[in-house]
Amino acid sequence: MFRTRAYLATLAVAAVLAGCSTGGNSGGGAPAAPAGNDGRCEASGADFAIGKPGSAELLEQARKASGSQMARILKPHDVVTLEYRSERLNLNVDEQGVVTRVNCG
């Protein structure tokens, strides 16, 4: 019973904090997202990421610039499924963590 209450309290706090987050633009130099793409990925919008070290900040800038709803960083030996998601951006990095390829899927 205590675990259930603690779990529900944690979820409630997470929901409140998520509602308080701002979607502000940090002006990090990333291009604006393509207009009217309905959340579909446009990989060319994130080409600026190639050659840069992969990070959470770069991933979010690239996601916004590509108009994608979600994004991920793929390392050389990561196991991935073959499903294609038109709203997902992939940043492929090399062994050193530098982005070598940007694609959707």
Protein backbone atom coordinates (compact mmCIF):
# COMPACT_ATOMS: atom_id res chain seq x y z
CA MET A 1 0.00 0.00 0.00
CA PHE A 2 2.82 2.40 0.90
CA ARG A 3 4.58 1.61 -2.38
CA THR A 4 1.44 2.38 -4.37
CA ARG A 5 1.00 5.73 -2.64
CA ALA A 6 4.68 6.60 -3.11
CA TYR A 7 4.44 5.65 -6.78
CA LEU A 8 1.33 7.77 -7.31
CA ALA A 9 2.89 10.71 -5.45
CA THR A 10 5.99 10.47 -7.66
CA LEU A 11 3.84 10.46 -10.78
CA ALA A 12 1.87 13.47 -9.56
CA VAL A 13 5.07 15.44 -8.87
CA ALA A 14 6.45 14.51 -12.30
CA ALA A 15 3.25 15.66 -13.98
CA VAL A 16 3.28 18.98 -12.14
CA LEU A 17 6.93 19.59 -13.01
CA ALA A 18 6.35 18.69 -16.66
CA GLY A 19 3.56 21.25 -16.79
CA CYS A 20 5.92 23.91 -15.44
CA SER A 21 8.56 23.41 -18.10
CA THR A 22 8.93 26.05 -20.75
CA GLY A 23 9.31 25.36 -24.42
CA GLY A 24 11.40 28.48 -24.92
CA ASN A 25 14.01 28.77 -27.63
CA SER A 26 17.57 29.11 -26.37
CA GLY A 27 18.66 30.65 -29.67
CA GLY A 28 21.47 28.12 -30.05
CA GLY A 29 21.96 28.92 -33.73
CA ALA A 30 19.89 26.02 -35.03
CA PRO A 31 17.66 26.76 -38.01
CA ALA A 32 13.92 27.05 -37.48
CA ALA A 33 11.75 23.98 -38.02
CA PRO A 34 10.07 23.62 -41.39
CA ALA A 35 6.53 24.99 -41.30
CA GLY A 36 3.56 22.67 -41.85
CA ASN A 37 5.33 19.33 -41.73
CA ASP A 38 2.85 17.82 -39.21
CA GLY A 39 5.65 16.54 -36.96
CA ARG A 40 7.36 14.57 -39.71
CA CYS A 41 11.13 14.54 -39.77
CA GLU A 42 13.02 16.63 -42.33
CA ALA A 43 16.61 15.44 -41.83
CA SER A 44 18.11 18.24 -43.95
CA GLY A 45 17.07 20.71 -41.25
CA ALA A 46 19.46 19.01 -38.83
CA ASP A 47 22.49 18.78 -41.14
CA PHE A 48 24.22 21.42 -39.01
CA ALA A 49 24.80 18.68 -36.37
CA ILE A 50 27.20 16.69 -38.55
CA GLY A 51 30.75 16.94 -37.22
CA LYS A 52 29.68 18.09 -33.75
CA PRO A 53 29.89 16.02 -30.56
CA GLY A 54 26.57 14.30 -29.84
CA SER A 55 24.88 15.63 -26.71
CA ALA A 56 21.42 16.04 -25.28
CA GLU A 57 21.47 19.74 -26.16
CA LEU A 58 22.50 19.10 -29.76
CA LEU A 59 19.87 16.36 -30.05
CA GLU A 60 17.12 18.74 -28.93
CA GLN A 61 18.32 21.53 -31.28
CA ALA A 62 18.42 19.07 -34.18
CA ARG A 63 14.99 17.68 -33.30
CA LYS A 64 13.44 21.14 -33.33
CA ALA A 65 15.26 22.14 -36.52
CA SER A 66 14.07 19.01 -38.33
CA GLY A 67 10.48 19.42 -37.14
CA SER A 68 10.54 15.94 -35.60
CA GLN A 69 8.43 14.88 -32.66
CA MET A 70 11.17 12.64 -31.24
CA ALA A 71 14.88 12.07 -31.67
CA ARG A 72 17.63 9.72 -30.59
CA ILE A 73 21.39 9.30 -30.76
CA LEU A 74 22.56 6.01 -32.26
CA LYS A 75 26.02 4.71 -31.35
CA PRO A 76 27.94 2.28 -33.60
CA HIS A 77 26.96 -0.92 -31.78
CA ASP A 78 23.45 0.04 -30.64
CA VAL A 79 20.75 -2.52 -31.35
CA VAL A 80 17.77 -0.96 -33.11
CA THR A 81 14.52 -2.24 -34.55
CA LEU A 82 13.74 -1.98 -38.25
CA GLU A 83 10.55 0.01 -37.76
CA TYR A 84 10.42 3.29 -39.66
CA ARG A 85 9.02 6.27 -37.76
CA SER A 86 8.52 9.30 -40.00
CA GLU A 87 8.40 11.58 -36.96
CA ARG A 88 11.76 10.42 -35.48
CA LEU A 89 15.20 11.94 -36.10
CA ASN A 90 18.33 9.82 -35.74
CA LEU A 91 21.77 11.28 -35.05
CA ASN A 92 24.35 8.59 -35.82
CA VAL A 93 27.65 9.04 -33.98
CA ASP A 94 31.05 7.38 -34.35
CA GLU A 95 33.14 5.73 -31.60
CA GLN A 96 34.25 9.19 -30.40
CA GLY A 97 30.66 10.41 -30.13
CA VAL A 98 30.83 12.79 -33.13
CA VAL A 99 27.76 12.97 -35.36
CA THR A 100 28.51 11.38 -38.74
CA ARG A 101 25.02 11.04 -40.20
CA VAL A 102 21.56 12.54 -39.79
CA ASN A 103 18.49 10.64 -40.97
CA CYS A 104 14.85 10.05 -40.23
CA GLY A 105 13.31 6.78 -39.17
